[in-house]
Amino acid sequence: MNRKSFFDGRVEVRTLALVDQPANRPDVQARLVSPTGELAVLSDGEIVIQHLGYVEFRQGLPRGNHFHKLRHEYFYMIAGETELHIEEISTGRTERILLRAGDLAIIYPGFAHTFLPVTSGHGLEFAAEPFDATDVYRHELVRAPGTSG
């Protein structure tokens, strides 16, 4: 598994290894490929998932533009490519990270995030914490086409 770390490890992108062995592999998180299709193992057994969602990405249309104070979010790209725009709320420091199919992004609380799809695609969002609408704080990083500000 290839890992890239940002913001002192509080944002991480893991590219899951493509393997053909369900057992005897070094990483629990991996993409298992067989003649019958692919199975992505996303949880390493260390977190209990209390929220799971499907995300559709439409080319050029931003998704997100918010941050959480409590929630740790995981995003797995099933298909497509998207730029992940990140801003550390406390410092204003920013990063842009290209995510491709097979990438798992981990975002700690206090980081605004927006996905700007390069191509259409889809992914999964999950978290150890249950969804809480009171922990979603709007923070525009990327404007939608046709909007002004």
C-alpha atoms as a PDB file:
ATOM      1  CA  MET A   1       0.000   0.000   0.000  1.00  0.00           C
ATOM      2  CA  ASN A   2       1.303   3.405  -0.975  1.00  0.00           C
ATOM      3  CA  ARG A   3       0.702   6.127   1.666  1.00  0.00           C
ATOM      4  CA  LYS A   4       0.970   9.900   1.344  1.00  0.00           C
ATOM      5  CA  SER A   5       0.658  12.081   4.414  1.00  0.00           C
ATOM      6  CA  PHE A   6      -0.337  15.750   4.610  1.00  0.00           C
ATOM      7  CA  PHE A   7      -0.684  18.214   7.506  1.00  0.00           C
ATOM      8  CA  ASP A   8       1.514  16.176   9.846  1.00  0.00           C
ATOM      9  CA  GLY A   9      -0.494  12.996   9.225  1.00  0.00           C
ATOM     10  CA  ARG A  10      -3.940  14.493   9.847  1.00  0.00           C
ATOM     11  CA  VAL A  11      -4.835  14.002   6.184  1.00  0.00           C
ATOM     12  CA  GLU A  12      -3.673  10.801   4.567  1.00  0.00           C
ATOM     13  CA  VAL A  13      -4.171   9.137   1.191  1.00  0.00           C
ATOM     14  CA  ARG A  14      -3.618   5.419   0.870  1.00  0.00           C
ATOM     15  CA  THR A  15      -3.561   3.759  -2.528  1.00  0.00           C
ATOM     16  CA  LEU A  16      -4.787   0.265  -1.821  1.00  0.00           C
ATOM     17  CA  ALA A  17      -2.621  -2.523  -3.218  1.00  0.00           C
ATOM     18  CA  LEU A  18      -4.030  -4.675  -6.033  1.00  0.00           C
ATOM     19  CA  VAL A  19      -3.633  -8.281  -4.945  1.00  0.00           C
ATOM     20  CA  ASP A  20      -4.971 -11.649  -6.045  1.00  0.00           C
ATOM     21  CA  GLN A  21      -4.620 -13.370  -2.671  1.00  0.00           C
ATOM     22  CA  PRO A  22      -7.365 -13.020  -0.038  1.00  0.00           C
ATOM     23  CA  ALA A  23      -4.924 -14.224   2.631  1.00  0.00           C
ATOM     24  CA  ASN A  24      -1.165 -13.989   3.194  1.00  0.00           C
ATOM     25  CA  ARG A  25      -0.919 -10.338   2.211  1.00  0.00           C
ATOM     26  CA  PRO A  26       0.873  -7.649   4.229  1.00  0.00           C
ATOM     27  CA  ASP A  27      -2.011  -5.145   4.290  1.00  0.00           C
ATOM     28  CA  VAL A  28      -5.539  -5.805   5.530  1.00  0.00           C
ATOM     29  CA  GLN A  29      -6.806  -2.918   3.380  1.00  0.00           C
ATOM     30  CA  ALA A  30      -6.402  -3.981  -0.242  1.00  0.00           C
ATOM     31  CA  ARG A  31      -8.148  -4.455  -3.568  1.00  0.00           C
ATOM     32  CA  LEU A  32      -8.627  -8.185  -4.175  1.00  0.00           C
ATOM     33  CA  VAL A  33      -8.842  -8.941  -7.895  1.00  0.00           C
ATOM     34  CA  SER A  34     -10.115 -12.238  -9.259  1.00  0.00           C
ATOM     35  CA  PRO A  35     -11.767 -13.485 -12.459  1.00  0.00           C
ATOM     36  CA  THR A  36     -15.141 -12.845 -10.776  1.00  0.00           C
ATOM     37  CA  GLY A  37     -14.407  -9.168 -10.071  1.00  0.00           C
ATOM     38  CA  GLU A  38     -12.865  -6.870  -7.482  1.00  0.00           C
ATOM     39  CA  LEU A  39     -13.450  -6.659  -3.722  1.00  0.00           C
ATOM     40  CA  ALA A  40     -12.014  -3.691  -1.831  1.00  0.00           C
ATOM     41  CA  VAL A  41     -11.327  -4.258   1.874  1.00  0.00           C
ATOM     42  CA  LEU A  42     -11.640  -0.756   3.360  1.00  0.00           C
ATOM     43  CA  SER A  43     -11.696  -1.261   7.109  1.00  0.00           C
ATOM     44  CA  ASP A  44      -8.574  -2.476   8.858  1.00  0.00           C
ATOM     45  CA  GLY A  45     -10.584  -3.618  11.873  1.00  0.00           C
ATOM     46  CA  GLU A  46      -9.411  -0.709  14.037  1.00  0.00           C
ATOM     47  CA  ILE A  47     -12.522   1.448  13.637  1.00  0.00           C
ATOM     48  CA  VAL A  48     -16.180   0.642  14.053  1.00  0.00           C
ATOM     49  CA  ILE A  49     -18.088   2.181  11.160  1.00  0.00           C
ATOM     50  CA  GLN A  50     -21.183   4.080  12.321  1.00  0.00           C
ATOM     51  CA  HIS A  51     -21.774   5.996   9.088  1.00  0.00           C
ATOM     52  CA  LEU A  52     -21.622   4.749   5.508  1.00  0.00           C
ATOM     53  CA  GLY A  53     -22.636   6.677   2.407  1.00  0.00           C
ATOM     54  CA  TYR A  54     -22.412   6.495  -1.366  1.00  0.00           C
ATOM     55  CA  VAL A  55     -21.043   9.567  -3.176  1.00  0.00           C
ATOM     56  CA  GLU A  56     -21.632  10.351  -6.849  1.00  0.00           C
ATOM     57  CA  PHE A  57     -19.107  12.661  -8.493  1.00  0.00           C
ATOM     58  CA  ARG A  58     -20.127  14.651 -11.586  1.00  0.00           C
ATOM     59  CA  GLN A  59     -17.307  16.130 -13.624  1.00  0.00           C
ATOM     60  CA  GLY A  60     -16.627  19.770 -12.743  1.00  0.00           C
ATOM     61  CA  LEU A  61     -19.265  19.990  -9.983  1.00  0.00           C
ATOM     62  CA  PRO A  62     -17.812  20.475  -6.489  1.00  0.00           C
ATOM     63  CA  ARG A  63     -19.018  18.416  -3.529  1.00  0.00           C
ATOM     64  CA  GLY A  64     -18.326  19.207   0.097  1.00  0.00           C
ATOM     65  CA  ASN A  65     -17.302  22.752   0.977  1.00  0.00           C
ATOM     66  CA  HIS A  66     -17.536  22.026   4.686  1.00  0.00           C
ATOM     67  CA  PHE A  67     -15.609  20.792   7.724  1.00  0.00           C
ATOM     68  CA  HIS A  68     -16.320  18.919  10.934  1.00  0.00           C
ATOM     69  CA  LYS A  69     -15.150  19.618  14.465  1.00  0.00           C
ATOM     70  CA  LEU A  70     -15.663  16.044  15.699  1.00  0.00           C
ATOM     71  CA  ARG A  71     -15.849  13.669  12.762  1.00  0.00           C
ATOM     72  CA  HIS A  72     -13.006  11.680  11.153  1.00  0.00           C
ATOM     73  CA  GLU A  73     -13.999  10.963   7.540  1.00  0.00           C
ATOM     74  CA  TYR A  74     -12.813   8.286   5.154  1.00  0.00           C
ATOM     75  CA  PHE A  75     -13.415   8.532   1.394  1.00  0.00           C
ATOM     76  CA  TYR A  76     -12.780   5.639  -0.965  1.00  0.00           C
ATOM     77  CA  MET A  77     -12.698   6.295  -4.704  1.00  0.00           C
ATOM     78  CA  ILE A  78     -14.366   3.431  -6.556  1.00  0.00           C
ATOM     79  CA  ALA A  79     -14.142   5.021 -10.018  1.00  0.00           C
ATOM     80  CA  GLY A  80     -13.124   8.324 -11.573  1.00  0.00           C
ATOM     81  CA  GLU A  81     -10.667  11.042 -10.600  1.00  0.00           C
ATOM     82  CA  THR A  82     -11.206  14.031  -8.340  1.00  0.00           C
ATOM     83  CA  GLU A  83      -9.131  16.802  -6.838  1.00  0.00           C
ATOM     84  CA  LEU A  84      -9.493  16.877  -3.077  1.00  0.00           C
ATOM     85  CA  HIS A  85      -9.153  20.468  -1.887  1.00  0.00           C
ATOM     86  CA  ILE A  86      -8.187  20.663   1.793  1.00  0.00           C
ATOM     87  CA  GLU A  87      -7.814  23.638   4.130  1.00  0.00           C
ATOM     88  CA  GLU A  88      -6.660  23.447   7.730  1.00  0.00           C
ATOM     89  CA  ILE A  89      -9.177  25.718   9.463  1.00  0.00           C
ATOM     90  CA  SER A  90      -6.830  26.813  12.259  1.00  0.00           C
ATOM     91  CA  THR A  91      -4.015  27.964   9.948  1.00  0.00           C
ATOM     92  CA  GLY A  92      -5.573  28.554   6.514  1.00  0.00           C
ATOM     93  CA  ARG A  93      -2.954  26.251   4.961  1.00  0.00           C
ATOM     94  CA  THR A  94      -4.232  24.461   1.831  1.00  0.00           C
ATOM     95  CA  GLU A  95      -3.424  21.424  -0.302  1.00  0.00           C
ATOM     96  CA  ARG A  96      -4.815  19.899  -3.490  1.00  0.00           C
ATOM     97  CA  ILE A  97      -4.595  16.133  -3.767  1.00  0.00           C
ATOM     98  CA  LEU A  98      -5.521  14.079  -6.839  1.00  0.00           C
ATOM     99  CA  LEU A  99      -7.540  10.991  -5.923  1.00  0.00           C
ATOM    100  CA  ARG A 100      -7.980   8.073  -8.322  1.00  0.00           C
ATOM    101  CA  ALA A 101      -9.855   4.783  -8.200  1.00  0.00           C
ATOM    102  CA  GLY A 102      -8.390   2.693  -5.386  1.00  0.00           C
ATOM    103  CA  ASP A 103      -7.413   5.679  -3.196  1.00  0.00           C
ATOM    104  CA  LEU A 104      -8.626   5.979   0.382  1.00  0.00           C
ATOM    105  CA  ALA A 105      -8.465   9.491   1.878  1.00  0.00           C
ATOM    106  CA  ILE A 106      -8.596  10.000   5.653  1.00  0.00           C
ATOM    107  CA  ILE A 107      -9.506  13.474   6.913  1.00  0.00           C
ATOM    108  CA  TYR A 108      -9.308  14.458  10.576  1.00  0.00           C
ATOM    109  CA  PRO A 109     -11.605  17.033  12.209  1.00  0.00           C
ATOM    110  CA  GLY A 110     -10.775  20.682  11.562  1.00  0.00           C
ATOM    111  CA  PHE A 111     -10.053  20.299   7.843  1.00  0.00           C
ATOM    112  CA  ALA A 112     -12.409  21.834   5.284  1.00  0.00           C
ATOM    113  CA  HIS A 113     -12.731  19.595   2.265  1.00  0.00           C
ATOM    114  CA  THR A 114     -14.204  19.801  -1.207  1.00  0.00           C
ATOM    115  CA  PHE A 115     -14.039  17.326  -4.048  1.00  0.00           C
ATOM    116  CA  LEU A 116     -13.740  18.794  -7.553  1.00  0.00           C
ATOM    117  CA  PRO A 117     -14.213  15.870  -9.965  1.00  0.00           C
ATOM    118  CA  VAL A 118     -11.861  15.756 -12.940  1.00  0.00           C
ATOM    119  CA  THR A 119     -14.048  12.961 -14.353  1.00  0.00           C
ATOM    120  CA  SER A 120     -17.392  11.604 -13.265  1.00  0.00           C
ATOM    121  CA  GLY A 121     -17.171   8.719 -10.817  1.00  0.00           C
ATOM    122  CA  HIS A 122     -18.299   7.424  -7.478  1.00  0.00           C
ATOM    123  CA  GLY A 123     -17.049   6.504  -4.064  1.00  0.00           C
ATOM    124  CA  LEU A 124     -17.878   5.639  -0.496  1.00  0.00           C
ATOM    125  CA  GLU A 125     -17.764   7.829   2.590  1.00  0.00           C
ATOM    126  CA  PHE A 126     -17.550   6.284   6.047  1.00  0.00           C
ATOM    127  CA  ALA A 127     -16.812   7.331   9.599  1.00  0.00           C
ATOM    128  CA  ALA A 128     -16.457   5.915  13.080  1.00  0.00           C
ATOM    129  CA  GLU A 129     -18.790   8.629  14.324  1.00  0.00           C
ATOM    130  CA  PRO A 130     -22.506   8.616  13.462  1.00  0.00           C
ATOM    131  CA  PHE A 131     -23.717  11.342  11.117  1.00  0.00           C
ATOM    132  CA  ASP A 132     -24.519  14.544  13.029  1.00  0.00           C
ATOM    133  CA  ALA A 133     -25.910  17.478  11.019  1.00  0.00           C
ATOM    134  CA  THR A 134     -24.850  19.874  13.802  1.00  0.00           C
ATOM    135  CA  ASP A 135     -21.198  18.953  13.084  1.00  0.00           C
ATOM    136  CA  VAL A 136     -21.281  20.154   9.461  1.00  0.00           C
ATOM    137  CA  TYR A 137     -19.864  23.672   9.061  1.00  0.00           C
ATOM    138  CA  ARG A 138     -20.035  25.333   5.623  1.00  0.00           C
ATOM    139  CA  HIS A 139     -16.666  26.541   4.311  1.00  0.00           C
ATOM    140  CA  GLU A 140     -16.403  27.286   0.606  1.00  0.00           C
ATOM    141  CA  LEU A 141     -13.160  26.134  -0.980  1.00  0.00           C
ATOM    142  CA  VAL A 142     -14.412  25.696  -4.549  1.00  0.00           C
ATOM    143  CA  ARG A 143     -17.270  27.588  -6.188  1.00  0.00           C
ATOM    144  CA  ALA A 144     -19.829  25.781  -8.270  1.00  0.00           C
ATOM    145  CA  PRO A 145     -19.927  26.788 -11.963  1.00  0.00           C
ATOM    146  CA  GLY A 146     -22.252  29.697 -12.624  1.00  0.00           C
ATOM    147  CA  THR A 147     -22.079  31.117  -9.097  1.00  0.00           C
ATOM    148  CA  SER A 148     -20.563  34.418  -8.124  1.00  0.00           C
ATOM    149  CA  GLY A 149     -19.206  35.658  -4.897  1.00  0.00           C
END
